Amino acid sequence: MTLSRTRPDFDTEDTGKSIVLGGFIGLISLAMSGFGVIYLRDGVSSRKLGEVLVGLYLCPVGMAQAFMCIKGVGGAVSALVKRHSWFMKAAHIQARILDKRADDSIDYEVQYDLGLELTLPQATVTLDERCIWARVDERVYDRYASGDIVTVYYLPSSPLTFLIDGE
């Protein structure tokens, strides 16, 4: 039987970029809506159909974009809060990387795995298997070599749900 880890139920891959980019595009979208209001006001007062049409286009499109950006930033902040909460409950141990494998036979996508030797505290659970496999991305895979010692963060209530330092 091969044991493999499960990842925590949050994704924080690009949350920092999402917050910055979403905030920047959101501000531009709000400015676009403001220009739409100005075009609409000036077009109505001077009876210019072209300005009215530009204003009618810019206002709703800018507001929709701003709403989507706010929603994206909110999701990214929520993921960061979940991650912080998870790490506050997590314990950490050192684990040795026993083996590495890269499998490119599935759907033209390379899947990277690290085989870890976890020695959990006696109070939690005893694992019969010596090697626990963790699927990682290419960046983490390239960062470590077989034999390296890594820090593993896990929940004491669920020791096979863990993150490796750098994820």
Protein backbone atom coordinates (compact mmCIF):
# COMPACT_ATOMS: atom_id res chain seq x y z
CA MET A 1 0.00 0.00 0.00
CA THR A 2 1.37 3.41 -0.97
CA LEU A 3 0.53 6.31 1.28
CA SER A 4 0.18 9.77 -0.16
CA ARG A 5 -0.56 13.07 1.44
CA THR A 6 -3.57 15.29 1.00
CA ARG A 7 -3.17 19.02 0.66
CA PRO A 8 -5.07 21.48 2.86
CA ASP A 9 -8.26 22.81 1.29
CA PHE A 10 -6.96 26.23 0.33
CA ASP A 11 -5.04 27.50 -2.66
CA THR A 12 -2.66 30.38 -2.26
CA GLU A 13 -0.58 29.92 -5.37
CA ASP A 14 -0.91 33.47 -6.72
CA THR A 15 -2.92 35.29 -4.06
CA GLY A 16 -0.43 38.14 -3.64
CA LYS A 17 -0.43 38.80 -7.38
CA SER A 18 -4.23 38.52 -7.47
CA ILE A 19 -4.65 41.13 -4.76
CA VAL A 20 -2.27 43.63 -6.36
CA LEU A 21 -3.47 43.10 -9.93
CA GLY A 22 -7.15 42.99 -8.92
CA GLY A 23 -6.81 46.19 -6.92
CA PHE A 24 -5.00 47.97 -9.76
CA ILE A 25 -7.47 46.88 -12.45
CA GLY A 26 -10.37 47.62 -10.08
CA LEU A 27 -9.20 51.21 -9.64
CA ILE A 28 -8.80 51.63 -13.39
CA SER A 29 -12.30 50.21 -13.88
CA LEU A 30 -13.77 52.65 -11.38
CA ALA A 31 -12.00 55.51 -13.16
CA MET A 32 -13.42 54.21 -16.45
CA SER A 33 -16.91 54.31 -14.90
CA GLY A 34 -16.28 57.87 -13.72
CA PHE A 35 -15.27 58.91 -17.22
CA GLY A 36 -18.42 57.22 -18.47
CA VAL A 37 -20.53 59.35 -16.14
CA ILE A 38 -18.74 62.49 -17.36
CA TYR A 39 -19.28 61.53 -21.02
CA LEU A 40 -22.92 60.75 -20.31
CA ARG A 41 -23.50 64.04 -18.48
CA ASP A 42 -21.71 66.13 -21.13
CA GLY A 43 -23.36 64.27 -23.98
CA VAL A 44 -26.86 64.79 -22.59
CA SER A 45 -26.26 68.48 -21.83
CA SER A 46 -24.78 69.19 -25.28
CA ARG A 47 -27.11 66.77 -27.10
CA LYS A 48 -24.25 64.78 -28.65
CA LEU A 49 -25.32 61.22 -29.30
CA GLY A 50 -21.74 59.93 -29.62
CA GLU A 51 -20.79 61.06 -26.10
CA VAL A 52 -24.00 59.62 -24.69
CA LEU A 53 -23.24 56.25 -26.32
CA VAL A 54 -19.66 56.25 -25.04
CA GLY A 55 -20.95 57.06 -21.56
CA LEU A 56 -23.59 54.33 -21.76
CA TYR A 57 -20.85 51.86 -22.68
CA LEU A 58 -18.18 52.92 -20.17
CA CYS A 59 -20.42 53.08 -17.07
CA PRO A 60 -21.77 49.50 -16.95
CA VAL A 61 -18.62 47.89 -18.34
CA GLY A 62 -16.42 49.72 -15.83
CA MET A 63 -18.74 48.84 -12.95
CA ALA A 64 -18.88 45.16 -13.99
CA GLN A 65 -15.08 45.00 -14.22
CA ALA A 66 -14.70 46.69 -10.84
CA PHE A 67 -17.17 44.23 -9.29
CA MET A 68 -15.27 41.24 -10.71
CA CYS A 69 -11.98 42.65 -9.41
CA ILE A 70 -13.42 43.21 -5.95
CA LYS A 71 -14.76 39.66 -5.96
CA GLY A 72 -11.33 38.30 -7.00
CA VAL A 73 -9.50 40.32 -4.36
CA GLY A 74 -12.00 39.11 -1.74
CA GLY A 75 -11.39 35.48 -2.73
CA ALA A 76 -7.62 35.95 -2.55
CA VAL A 77 -7.83 37.58 0.88
CA SER A 78 -10.10 34.76 2.06
CA ALA A 79 -7.53 32.17 0.90
CA LEU A 80 -4.78 34.01 2.79
CA VAL A 81 -6.89 34.07 5.95
CA LYS A 82 -7.59 30.31 5.62
CA ARG A 83 -3.87 29.64 5.13
CA HIS A 84 -2.94 31.74 8.16
CA SER A 85 -5.56 29.97 10.29
CA TRP A 86 -4.30 26.56 9.14
CA PHE A 87 -0.68 27.43 9.98
CA MET A 88 -1.71 28.67 13.44
CA LYS A 89 -3.10 25.16 14.17
CA ALA A 90 -0.26 23.28 12.45
CA ALA A 91 2.72 21.55 14.02
CA HIS A 92 5.99 21.07 12.18
CA ILE A 93 8.59 18.32 11.94
CA GLN A 94 11.68 17.57 9.88
CA ALA A 95 11.43 14.90 7.16
CA ARG A 96 14.03 13.35 4.90
CA ILE A 97 13.39 13.11 1.16
CA LEU A 98 13.88 9.44 0.32
CA ASP A 99 13.09 9.58 -3.38
CA LYS A 100 11.93 11.84 -6.19
CA ARG A 101 9.95 10.92 -9.27
CA ALA A 102 8.63 12.76 -12.30
CA ASP A 103 5.92 11.08 -14.37
CA ASP A 104 5.13 12.52 -17.79
CA SER A 105 2.92 9.69 -19.01
CA ILE A 106 -0.37 11.27 -17.93
CA ASP A 107 -2.10 13.77 -20.24
CA TYR A 108 1.13 15.34 -21.52
CA GLU A 109 1.64 16.95 -18.13
CA VAL A 110 4.57 16.14 -15.86
CA GLN A 111 3.58 15.21 -12.32
CA TYR A 112 6.25 15.63 -9.66
CA ASP A 113 6.35 13.62 -6.43
CA LEU A 114 8.62 13.62 -3.40
CA GLY A 115 8.87 10.52 -1.21
CA LEU A 116 9.21 11.63 2.43
CA GLU A 117 10.22 9.71 5.53
CA LEU A 118 7.93 11.14 8.20
CA THR A 119 8.48 10.37 11.86
CA LEU A 120 5.43 11.73 13.60
CA PRO A 121 5.27 12.21 17.37
CA GLN A 122 4.07 9.08 19.19
CA ALA A 123 0.94 10.82 20.42
CA THR A 124 -0.56 11.24 16.96
CA VAL A 125 -0.58 8.15 14.78
CA THR A 126 1.77 5.36 13.75
CA LEU A 127 2.37 4.93 10.07
CA ASP A 128 3.21 1.47 8.77
CA GLU A 129 4.72 2.81 5.58
CA ARG A 130 8.24 4.25 5.54
CA CYS A 131 7.68 6.51 2.51
CA ILE A 132 4.80 8.93 2.08
CA TRP A 133 4.45 10.47 -1.37
CA ALA A 134 3.61 14.13 -1.83
CA ARG A 135 2.65 15.61 -5.19
CA VAL A 136 4.40 18.96 -5.60
CA ASP A 137 4.87 21.55 -8.33
CA GLU A 138 8.02 21.80 -10.42
CA ARG A 139 9.44 24.67 -8.36
CA VAL A 140 9.39 22.65 -5.11
CA TYR A 141 10.57 19.51 -6.93
CA ASP A 142 13.63 21.30 -8.32
CA ARG A 143 14.38 22.97 -4.99
CA TYR A 144 15.12 19.74 -3.14
CA ALA A 145 17.30 16.68 -3.81
CA SER A 146 17.07 13.13 -2.48
CA GLY A 147 18.48 13.04 1.03
CA ASP A 148 17.60 16.66 1.82
CA ILE A 149 15.84 17.46 5.09
CA VAL A 150 12.67 19.52 4.72
CA THR A 151 10.24 21.07 7.16
CA VAL A 152 6.75 19.60 6.98
CA TYR A 153 3.74 21.43 8.44
CA TYR A 154 0.82 19.19 9.41
CA LEU A 155 -2.30 19.17 11.52
CA PRO A 156 -1.94 16.90 14.57
CA SER A 157 -5.53 15.73 14.05
CA SER A 158 -4.76 14.75 10.45
CA PRO A 159 -1.04 14.11 9.99
CA LEU A 160 -1.31 13.09 6.33
CA THR A 161 -2.66 16.54 5.47
CA PHE A 162 0.51 18.55 5.23
CA LEU A 163 2.53 21.16 3.39
CA ILE A 164 6.24 21.08 2.63
CA ASP A 165 8.27 24.21 3.28
CA GLY A 166 8.17 26.29 0.11
CA GLU A 167 4.63 25.38 -0.97
